[in-house]
């Protein structure tokens, strides 16, 4: 567990917000395919949720942007170690940051 936390902390320190269509320093673009906007064939290696809500994403392995997964009631301050290629506008979380 200590190794995972160390790796997570290091990733958080070197995090960058998705490039291309960034809305502000604390949010990521919604309904944007990160594999095309982040510099080609990249996807987020983790997602930080700053405000409580539901997070609707398209996982990195999906071939279509319509196959979404919903993470319900994600608490504020949560880091999700998931690989995503898109965050949907139907998400009710706030202050979402993609980690690469």
N, C-alpha and C. Protein backbone atom coordinates (compact mmCIF):
# COMPACT_ATOMS: atom_id res chain seq x y z
N UNK A 1 0.82 -1.19 0.00
CA UNK A 1 0.00 0.00 0.00
C UNK A 1 0.87 1.26 0.00
N UNK A 2 1.97 1.23 0.74
CA UNK A 2 2.84 2.40 0.81
C UNK A 2 3.40 2.75 -0.56
N UNK A 3 3.74 1.71 -1.34
CA UNK A 3 4.26 1.95 -2.68
C UNK A 3 3.21 2.60 -3.57
N UNK A 4 1.96 2.11 -3.48
CA UNK A 4 0.87 2.70 -4.27
C UNK A 4 0.68 4.17 -3.90
N UNK A 5 0.70 4.47 -2.59
CA UNK A 5 0.51 5.85 -2.15
C UNK A 5 1.65 6.73 -2.61
N UNK A 6 2.88 6.21 -2.56
CA UNK A 6 4.03 6.98 -3.02
C UNK A 6 3.90 7.27 -4.51
N UNK A 7 3.52 6.26 -5.30
CA UNK A 7 3.33 6.44 -6.73
C UNK A 7 2.20 7.42 -7.02
N UNK A 8 1.11 7.31 -6.26
CA UNK A 8 -0.02 8.22 -6.44
C UNK A 8 0.38 9.65 -6.12
N UNK A 9 1.11 9.83 -5.04
CA UNK A 9 1.56 11.18 -4.67
C UNK A 9 2.49 11.75 -5.72
N UNK A 10 3.39 10.93 -6.25
CA UNK A 10 4.30 11.40 -7.29
C UNK A 10 3.52 11.79 -8.53
N UNK A 11 2.53 10.98 -8.90
CA UNK A 11 1.73 11.29 -10.08
C UNK A 11 0.95 12.58 -9.87
N UNK A 12 0.45 12.80 -8.67
CA UNK A 12 -0.29 14.01 -8.38
C UNK A 12 0.62 15.24 -8.46
N UNK A 13 1.87 15.09 -8.04
CA UNK A 13 2.81 16.20 -8.10
C UNK A 13 3.15 16.57 -9.53
N UNK A 14 3.18 15.59 -10.42
CA UNK A 14 3.55 15.85 -11.80
C UNK A 14 2.33 15.91 -12.71
N UNK A 15 1.15 16.07 -12.11
CA UNK A 15 -0.09 16.09 -12.90
C UNK A 15 -0.14 17.30 -13.80
N UNK A 16 -0.80 17.12 -14.90
CA UNK A 16 -1.08 18.25 -15.76
C UNK A 16 -2.52 18.14 -16.23
N UNK A 17 -3.13 19.25 -16.41
CA UNK A 17 -4.51 19.28 -16.88
C UNK A 17 -4.50 18.98 -18.37
N UNK A 18 -5.54 18.30 -18.85
CA UNK A 18 -5.63 17.94 -20.26
C UNK A 18 -5.41 19.17 -21.15
N UNK A 19 -4.60 18.99 -22.18
CA UNK A 19 -4.30 20.11 -23.06
C UNK A 19 -5.28 20.15 -24.22
N UNK A 20 -5.31 21.24 -24.92
CA UNK A 20 -6.15 21.35 -26.10
C UNK A 20 -7.33 22.26 -25.89
N UNK A 21 -8.27 21.88 -25.06
CA UNK A 21 -9.49 22.67 -24.87
C UNK A 21 -9.76 22.90 -23.40
N UNK A 22 -8.73 23.27 -22.66
CA UNK A 22 -8.85 23.44 -21.22
C UNK A 22 -9.76 24.62 -20.92
N UNK A 23 -10.70 24.43 -20.02
CA UNK A 23 -11.64 25.48 -19.66
C UNK A 23 -11.07 26.41 -18.61
N UNK A 24 -10.37 25.89 -17.63
CA UNK A 24 -9.71 26.68 -16.60
C UNK A 24 -8.64 25.82 -15.97
N UNK A 25 -7.95 26.37 -14.99
CA UNK A 25 -6.85 25.63 -14.37
C UNK A 25 -7.34 24.46 -13.52
N UNK A 26 -8.61 24.44 -13.15
CA UNK A 26 -9.09 23.39 -12.25
C UNK A 26 -10.11 22.47 -12.90
N UNK A 27 -10.38 22.64 -14.16
CA UNK A 27 -11.35 21.77 -14.83
C UNK A 27 -10.77 21.23 -16.12
N UNK A 28 -11.38 20.18 -16.63
CA UNK A 28 -10.95 19.61 -17.90
C UNK A 28 -12.07 19.78 -18.90
N UNK A 29 -11.77 19.69 -20.18
CA UNK A 29 -12.82 19.79 -21.17
C UNK A 29 -13.78 18.61 -21.06
N UNK A 30 -15.04 18.86 -21.34
CA UNK A 30 -16.03 17.79 -21.32
C UNK A 30 -16.41 17.43 -22.74
N UNK A 31 -16.77 16.18 -22.93
CA UNK A 31 -17.14 15.66 -24.25
C UNK A 31 -16.03 15.86 -25.28
N UNK A 32 -14.77 15.81 -24.85
CA UNK A 32 -13.63 15.93 -25.74
C UNK A 32 -12.84 14.64 -25.67
N UNK A 33 -12.55 14.05 -26.82
CA UNK A 33 -11.76 12.82 -26.87
C UNK A 33 -10.31 13.15 -26.54
N UNK A 34 -9.85 12.77 -25.35
CA UNK A 34 -8.49 13.09 -24.91
C UNK A 34 -7.44 12.44 -25.79
N UNK A 35 -7.78 11.35 -26.46
CA UNK A 35 -6.78 10.67 -27.29
C UNK A 35 -6.43 11.52 -28.50
N UNK A 36 -7.31 12.43 -28.91
CA UNK A 36 -6.98 13.29 -30.04
C UNK A 36 -6.53 14.67 -29.60
N UNK A 37 -7.04 15.17 -28.45
CA UNK A 37 -6.70 16.53 -28.03
C UNK A 37 -5.45 16.60 -27.17
N UNK A 38 -5.03 15.51 -26.60
CA UNK A 38 -3.88 15.54 -25.68
C UNK A 38 -2.57 15.19 -26.37
N UNK A 39 -2.55 15.14 -27.66
CA UNK A 39 -1.29 14.90 -28.36
C UNK A 39 -1.18 13.55 -29.00
N UNK A 40 -2.28 12.89 -29.25
CA UNK A 40 -2.25 11.64 -29.99
C UNK A 40 -2.09 10.41 -29.14
N UNK A 41 -3.06 9.55 -29.16
CA UNK A 41 -3.06 8.25 -28.50
C UNK A 41 -2.78 8.31 -27.01
N UNK A 42 -3.05 9.43 -26.36
CA UNK A 42 -2.90 9.51 -24.92
C UNK A 42 -4.28 9.45 -24.28
N UNK A 43 -4.29 9.03 -23.05
CA UNK A 43 -5.52 9.06 -22.27
C UNK A 43 -5.12 9.33 -20.83
N UNK A 44 -6.08 9.80 -20.06
CA UNK A 44 -5.78 10.11 -18.67
C UNK A 44 -5.49 8.83 -17.91
N UNK A 45 -4.45 8.85 -17.11
CA UNK A 45 -4.08 7.70 -16.30
C UNK A 45 -4.70 7.73 -14.92
N UNK A 46 -5.44 8.78 -14.64
CA UNK A 46 -6.12 8.93 -13.36
C UNK A 46 -6.98 10.18 -13.39
N UNK A 47 -7.94 10.23 -12.51
CA UNK A 47 -8.84 11.38 -12.45
C UNK A 47 -8.98 11.82 -11.00
N UNK A 48 -8.81 13.11 -10.77
CA UNK A 48 -9.03 13.68 -9.45
C UNK A 48 -10.35 14.42 -9.46
N UNK A 49 -11.20 14.16 -8.46
CA UNK A 49 -12.51 14.81 -8.35
C UNK A 49 -12.48 15.73 -7.15
N UNK A 50 -12.63 17.04 -7.39
CA UNK A 50 -12.59 18.01 -6.32
C UNK A 50 -13.91 18.21 -5.61
N UNK A 51 -15.03 17.99 -6.33
CA UNK A 51 -16.35 18.19 -5.74
C UNK A 51 -17.23 16.98 -5.91
N UNK A 52 -17.98 16.63 -4.89
CA UNK A 52 -18.82 15.43 -4.86
C UNK A 52 -19.82 15.40 -6.01
N UNK A 53 -20.09 14.20 -6.52
CA UNK A 53 -21.09 14.01 -7.57
C UNK A 53 -20.86 12.72 -8.32
N UNK A 54 -21.55 12.58 -9.44
CA UNK A 54 -21.41 11.40 -10.30
C UNK A 54 -20.42 11.73 -11.41
N UNK A 55 -19.50 10.82 -11.68
CA UNK A 55 -18.51 10.99 -12.74
C UNK A 55 -18.86 10.03 -13.87
N UNK A 56 -19.10 10.59 -15.05
CA UNK A 56 -19.45 9.79 -16.23
C UNK A 56 -18.29 9.87 -17.21
N UNK A 57 -17.69 8.72 -17.52
CA UNK A 57 -16.49 8.69 -18.36
C UNK A 57 -16.61 7.63 -19.44
N UNK A 58 -15.75 7.76 -20.44
CA UNK A 58 -15.51 6.70 -21.41
C UNK A 58 -14.13 6.15 -21.10
N UNK A 59 -14.06 4.87 -20.80
CA UNK A 59 -12.79 4.24 -20.43
C UNK A 59 -11.86 4.18 -21.64
N UNK A 60 -10.56 4.11 -21.38
CA UNK A 60 -9.54 4.15 -22.42
C UNK A 60 -9.69 3.03 -23.45
N UNK A 61 -10.15 1.86 -23.05
CA UNK A 61 -10.25 0.73 -23.96
C UNK A 61 -11.46 0.71 -24.86
N UNK A 62 -12.38 1.65 -24.67
CA UNK A 62 -13.60 1.68 -25.47
C UNK A 62 -13.31 2.20 -26.87
N UNK A 63 -13.95 1.60 -27.87
CA UNK A 63 -13.76 2.05 -29.24
C UNK A 63 -14.76 3.14 -29.62
N UNK A 64 -15.85 3.25 -28.87
CA UNK A 64 -16.88 4.24 -29.16
C UNK A 64 -17.02 5.21 -27.99
N UNK A 65 -17.29 6.47 -28.29
CA UNK A 65 -17.44 7.48 -27.25
C UNK A 65 -18.83 7.46 -26.62
N UNK A 66 -19.70 6.57 -27.06
CA UNK A 66 -21.05 6.51 -26.49
C UNK A 66 -21.17 5.47 -25.37
N UNK A 67 -20.16 4.63 -25.19
CA UNK A 67 -20.18 3.61 -24.14
C UNK A 67 -19.59 4.20 -22.86
N UNK A 68 -20.47 4.74 -22.03
CA UNK A 68 -20.01 5.42 -20.82
C UNK A 68 -20.13 4.54 -19.58
N UNK A 69 -19.33 4.88 -18.59
CA UNK A 69 -19.36 4.25 -17.27
C UNK A 69 -19.65 5.37 -16.26
N UNK A 70 -20.55 5.11 -15.31
CA UNK A 70 -20.87 6.11 -14.29
C UNK A 70 -20.35 5.65 -12.93
N UNK A 71 -19.56 6.51 -12.31
CA UNK A 71 -19.11 6.29 -10.93
C UNK A 71 -20.02 7.17 -10.07
N UNK A 72 -20.90 6.54 -9.30
CA UNK A 72 -21.90 7.26 -8.52
C UNK A 72 -21.35 7.74 -7.18
N UNK A 73 -21.80 8.92 -6.79
CA UNK A 73 -21.48 9.50 -5.46
C UNK A 73 -19.99 9.51 -5.14
N UNK A 74 -19.19 9.99 -6.07
CA UNK A 74 -17.76 10.10 -5.84
C UNK A 74 -17.53 11.24 -4.83
N UNK A 75 -16.88 10.97 -3.70
CA UNK A 75 -16.68 12.02 -2.69
C UNK A 75 -15.64 13.05 -3.16
N UNK A 76 -15.73 14.23 -2.60
CA UNK A 76 -14.76 15.28 -2.95
C UNK A 76 -13.37 14.88 -2.46
N UNK A 77 -12.38 15.29 -3.23
CA UNK A 77 -11.00 14.98 -2.88
C UNK A 77 -10.56 13.58 -3.24
N UNK A 78 -11.33 12.88 -4.06
CA UNK A 78 -11.05 11.49 -4.41
C UNK A 78 -10.18 11.41 -5.66
N UNK A 79 -9.17 10.55 -5.59
CA UNK A 79 -8.37 10.21 -6.77
C UNK A 79 -8.81 8.85 -7.26
N UNK A 80 -9.22 8.77 -8.52
CA UNK A 80 -9.62 7.49 -9.12
C UNK A 80 -8.52 7.04 -10.08
N UNK A 81 -7.86 5.91 -9.80
CA UNK A 81 -6.80 5.42 -10.69
C UNK A 81 -7.39 4.67 -11.88
N UNK A 82 -8.08 5.41 -12.74
CA UNK A 82 -8.74 4.83 -13.91
C UNK A 82 -8.20 5.49 -15.16
N UNK A 83 -8.19 4.76 -16.26
CA UNK A 83 -7.72 5.29 -17.54
C UNK A 83 -8.94 5.67 -18.38
N UNK A 84 -9.06 6.96 -18.68
CA UNK A 84 -10.22 7.44 -19.42
C UNK A 84 -9.80 8.19 -20.67
N UNK A 85 -10.69 8.15 -21.67
CA UNK A 85 -10.44 8.92 -22.88
C UNK A 85 -11.39 10.09 -23.02
N UNK A 86 -12.48 10.13 -22.23
CA UNK A 86 -13.41 11.26 -22.28
C UNK A 86 -14.17 11.37 -20.98
N UNK A 87 -14.45 12.60 -20.56
CA UNK A 87 -15.33 12.87 -19.43
C UNK A 87 -16.59 13.49 -20.00
N UNK A 88 -17.74 12.92 -19.66
CA UNK A 88 -19.01 13.36 -20.23
C UNK A 88 -19.54 14.61 -19.54
N UNK A 89 -20.30 15.40 -20.29
CA UNK A 89 -20.92 16.61 -19.75
C UNK A 89 -22.05 16.27 -18.78
N UNK A 90 -22.47 15.01 -18.74
CA UNK A 90 -23.51 14.60 -17.80
C UNK A 90 -22.96 14.34 -16.40
N UNK A 91 -21.64 14.48 -16.22
CA UNK A 91 -21.03 14.34 -14.89
C UNK A 91 -21.50 15.48 -14.00
N UNK A 92 -21.77 15.14 -12.73
CA UNK A 92 -22.19 16.17 -11.78
C UNK A 92 -21.08 16.55 -10.81
N UNK A 93 -19.90 15.94 -10.95
CA UNK A 93 -18.74 16.31 -10.14
C UNK A 93 -18.23 17.67 -10.58
N UNK A 94 -17.47 18.31 -9.70
CA UNK A 94 -16.84 19.58 -10.08
C UNK A 94 -15.35 19.50 -9.84
N UNK A 95 -14.64 20.45 -10.43
CA UNK A 95 -13.18 20.55 -10.28
C UNK A 95 -12.49 19.23 -10.60
N UNK A 96 -12.74 18.72 -11.79
CA UNK A 96 -12.16 17.45 -12.24
C UNK A 96 -10.82 17.73 -12.90
N UNK A 97 -9.81 16.96 -12.52
CA UNK A 97 -8.49 17.10 -13.12
C UNK A 97 -8.05 15.74 -13.64
N UNK A 98 -7.62 15.70 -14.91
CA UNK A 98 -7.09 14.47 -15.48
C UNK A 98 -5.58 14.43 -15.25
N UNK A 99 -5.09 13.27 -14.84
CA UNK A 99 -3.66 13.07 -14.62
C UNK A 99 -3.11 12.23 -15.76
N UNK A 100 -1.99 12.64 -16.30
CA UNK A 100 -1.39 11.91 -17.40
C UNK A 100 -0.10 11.25 -16.96
